Amino acid sequence: MTDKIFQELLSIKAIVKLNEAEKENYLKFFNETYKDNLSAAYDNLKSHPRWSIISGYYAMHDLAKLFLAKKYNLKIVERVHLATIASLYSISKENKEFEKAIELLKQANKIFNSQIKGIKASDMAFYLKKARKEREKVQYYNPRTDLKRAEEQANFFLNEIVIPFIKLLESLI
């Protein structure tokens, strides 16, 4: 992902400045939807692990959009998945705030006995991109097979990708 892609998305207005008139409702909406999706990811973990992964990805995606709106006054309007990831990549190169958040995330992970090691600022966009690929695999190409294996995959996805990403962005908002 390059800043060239981010600039192109800005030029075609896939990413725009958030209008002050809609800002309050926009922020409220994404603040609620990321939490709803995270809750659904946990709720579906055992009975519908495929939907746990899908919901976990959308929790990340919606929180990323909330973060971009709140901190940078950006609204993603087209090519939303690509534009969100491109925005995170671009911002991670310009903002030292991410490094502080990463340190906070490492401390939180010790408390919650997580396994994140060596995370870098650009990993936020990487996590979202990786999560998107996992969500696509289970949503479009993976029929329900072995429930135990699917639950293990969903559990790993939730604990190793979704939760660290959410902790990181929440610490920055």
Protein backbone atom coordinates (compact mmCIF):
# COMPACT_ATOMS: atom_id res chain seq x y z
CA MET A 1 0.00 0.00 0.00
CA THR A 2 1.40 3.37 -0.92
CA ASP A 3 0.59 7.00 -0.30
CA LYS A 4 -0.02 7.21 -4.04
CA ILE A 5 -3.11 5.02 -3.60
CA PHE A 6 -4.25 7.21 -0.70
CA GLN A 7 -3.78 10.36 -2.81
CA GLU A 8 -5.66 8.79 -5.72
CA LEU A 9 -8.55 7.86 -3.43
CA LEU A 10 -8.63 11.45 -2.17
CA SER A 11 -8.63 12.79 -5.73
CA ILE A 12 -11.60 10.64 -6.77
CA LYS A 13 -13.38 11.56 -3.53
CA ALA A 14 -13.50 8.02 -2.14
CA ILE A 15 -12.08 9.71 0.97
CA VAL A 16 -13.48 13.13 1.87
CA LYS A 17 -13.48 15.56 4.77
CA LEU A 18 -16.29 14.79 7.20
CA ASN A 19 -19.01 17.41 7.08
CA GLU A 20 -19.55 19.08 10.46
CA ALA A 21 -23.34 18.79 10.06
CA GLU A 22 -23.16 15.00 9.99
CA LYS A 23 -20.13 14.47 12.23
CA GLU A 24 -22.01 13.77 15.47
CA ASN A 25 -24.29 11.13 13.90
CA TYR A 26 -21.42 9.59 11.92
CA LEU A 27 -19.26 9.20 15.03
CA LYS A 28 -22.16 7.84 17.07
CA PHE A 29 -23.03 5.32 14.37
CA PHE A 30 -19.53 3.86 14.06
CA ASN A 31 -19.00 3.92 17.82
CA GLU A 32 -22.07 1.70 18.16
CA THR A 33 -21.49 -0.55 15.15
CA TYR A 34 -17.93 -1.54 16.00
CA LYS A 35 -19.07 -2.55 19.49
CA ASP A 36 -22.10 -4.42 18.09
CA ASN A 37 -19.89 -6.29 15.64
CA LEU A 38 -17.37 -7.16 18.35
CA SER A 39 -20.18 -8.48 20.52
CA ALA A 40 -21.50 -10.54 17.60
CA ALA A 41 -18.01 -11.95 17.04
CA TYR A 42 -17.98 -13.26 20.61
CA ASP A 43 -21.60 -14.41 20.49
CA ASN A 44 -21.05 -16.40 17.30
CA LEU A 45 -17.69 -17.89 18.23
CA LYS A 46 -18.93 -21.38 19.09
CA SER A 47 -22.14 -21.76 17.12
CA HIS A 48 -21.28 -19.78 13.97
CA PRO A 49 -17.49 -19.30 13.82
CA ARG A 50 -17.59 -18.12 10.20
CA TRP A 51 -19.81 -15.23 11.27
CA SER A 52 -17.53 -14.60 14.22
CA ILE A 53 -14.69 -13.86 11.79
CA ILE A 54 -16.91 -11.72 9.58
CA SER A 55 -18.21 -9.77 12.58
CA GLY A 56 -14.70 -9.40 13.99
CA TYR A 57 -13.46 -7.95 10.74
CA TYR A 58 -16.33 -5.48 10.61
CA ALA A 59 -15.64 -4.45 14.21
CA MET A 60 -12.11 -3.56 13.09
CA HIS A 61 -13.30 -1.87 9.93
CA ASP A 62 -15.91 0.25 11.70
CA LEU A 63 -13.51 1.23 14.49
CA ALA A 64 -10.94 2.23 11.86
CA LYS A 65 -13.53 4.46 10.20
CA LEU A 66 -14.44 5.94 13.61
CA PHE A 67 -10.77 6.59 14.31
CA LEU A 68 -10.22 8.26 10.93
CA ALA A 69 -13.28 10.45 11.42
CA LYS A 70 -12.54 11.40 15.00
CA LYS A 71 -8.81 12.06 14.71
CA TYR A 72 -8.45 13.17 11.09
CA ASN A 73 -11.95 14.30 10.12
CA LEU A 74 -11.96 11.79 7.23
CA LYS A 75 -15.02 10.04 5.87
CA ILE A 76 -14.69 6.94 3.72
CA VAL A 77 -17.42 7.02 1.06
CA GLU A 78 -16.35 4.72 -1.79
CA ARG A 79 -14.12 1.69 -2.13
CA VAL A 80 -14.51 1.58 1.61
CA HIS A 81 -12.27 -1.36 2.46
CA LEU A 82 -9.37 -0.22 0.30
CA ALA A 83 -9.82 3.43 1.28
CA THR A 84 -9.84 2.61 5.00
CA ILE A 85 -6.69 0.50 4.76
CA ALA A 86 -4.93 3.07 2.55
CA SER A 87 -5.80 5.81 5.04
CA LEU A 88 -4.35 3.85 7.95
CA TYR A 89 -1.15 3.16 6.01
CA SER A 90 -0.75 6.79 5.08
CA ILE A 91 -1.40 8.09 8.59
CA SER A 92 0.88 5.52 10.24
CA LYS A 93 3.83 6.94 8.30
CA GLU A 94 3.16 10.50 9.43
CA ASN A 95 2.10 10.18 13.04
CA LYS A 96 4.34 9.33 15.99
CA GLU A 97 1.22 8.97 18.19
CA PHE A 98 1.01 5.38 16.95
CA GLU A 99 4.29 4.48 18.63
CA LYS A 100 2.95 5.60 22.02
CA ALA A 101 -0.24 3.62 21.42
CA ILE A 102 1.81 0.58 20.54
CA GLU A 103 3.60 0.81 23.89
CA LEU A 104 0.23 1.12 25.63
CA LEU A 105 -0.99 -1.89 23.68
CA LYS A 106 2.01 -3.95 24.76
CA GLN A 107 1.32 -3.07 28.42
CA ALA A 108 -2.36 -3.94 28.04
CA ASN A 109 -1.46 -7.19 26.33
CA LYS A 110 0.68 -8.21 29.31
CA ILE A 111 -2.27 -7.61 31.60
CA PHE A 112 -4.62 -9.57 29.35
CA ASN A 113 -1.96 -12.22 28.64
CA SER A 114 -1.97 -11.55 24.92
CA GLN A 115 0.70 -12.63 22.45
CA ILE A 116 1.46 -9.49 20.43
CA LYS A 117 5.22 -9.04 19.95
CA GLY A 118 7.14 -6.55 17.85
CA ILE A 119 4.14 -4.60 16.60
CA LYS A 120 4.94 -1.57 14.43
CA ALA A 121 2.83 1.43 13.47
CA SER A 122 2.12 0.08 10.00
CA ASP A 123 0.73 -3.11 11.57
CA MET A 124 -2.66 -1.44 12.12
CA ALA A 125 -3.25 -1.32 8.38
CA PHE A 126 -1.69 -4.77 8.02
CA TYR A 127 -4.09 -6.24 10.60
CA LEU A 128 -7.07 -4.71 8.86
CA LYS A 129 -5.87 -5.94 5.45
CA LYS A 130 -5.22 -9.44 6.81
CA ALA A 131 -8.59 -9.47 8.55
CA ARG A 132 -10.29 -8.48 5.31
CA LYS A 133 -8.71 -11.43 3.52
CA GLU A 134 -9.79 -13.82 6.29
CA ARG A 135 -13.31 -12.41 6.26
CA GLU A 136 -13.49 -12.83 2.47
CA LYS A 137 -12.30 -16.44 2.71
CA VAL A 138 -14.92 -17.44 5.23
CA GLN A 139 -17.71 -15.30 3.82
CA TYR A 140 -17.36 -16.30 0.18
CA TYR A 141 -15.29 -19.46 -0.17
CA ASN A 142 -15.48 -21.56 2.96
CA PRO A 143 -18.51 -23.78 3.40
CA ARG A 144 -19.29 -24.84 6.93
CA THR A 145 -17.08 -27.83 7.55
CA ASP A 146 -15.51 -29.05 10.75
CA LEU A 147 -17.10 -26.92 13.48
CA LYS A 148 -14.30 -27.49 16.01
CA ARG A 149 -11.60 -26.44 13.52
CA ALA A 150 -13.65 -23.44 12.42
CA GLU A 151 -14.11 -22.42 16.06
CA GLU A 152 -10.35 -22.64 16.64
CA GLN A 153 -9.72 -20.44 13.59
CA ALA A 154 -12.30 -17.91 14.73
CA ASN A 155 -10.90 -17.89 18.26
CA PHE A 156 -7.38 -17.27 16.96
CA PHE A 157 -8.63 -14.55 14.61
CA LEU A 158 -10.55 -12.81 17.39
CA ASN A 159 -7.76 -12.97 19.98
CA GLU A 160 -4.70 -12.44 17.79
CA ILE A 161 -5.96 -9.99 15.18
CA VAL A 162 -9.23 -8.32 16.17
CA ILE A 163 -8.61 -7.61 19.86
CA PRO A 164 -5.06 -6.21 19.50
CA PHE A 165 -6.25 -3.96 16.66
CA ILE A 166 -9.21 -2.72 18.69
CA LYS A 167 -7.09 -2.08 21.77
CA LEU A 168 -4.64 -0.10 19.68
CA LEU A 169 -7.23 2.12 18.03
CA GLU A 170 -9.25 2.60 21.21
CA SER A 171 -6.11 3.83 22.95
CA LEU A 172 -5.68 6.45 20.21
CA ILE A 173 -9.23 7.79 20.25
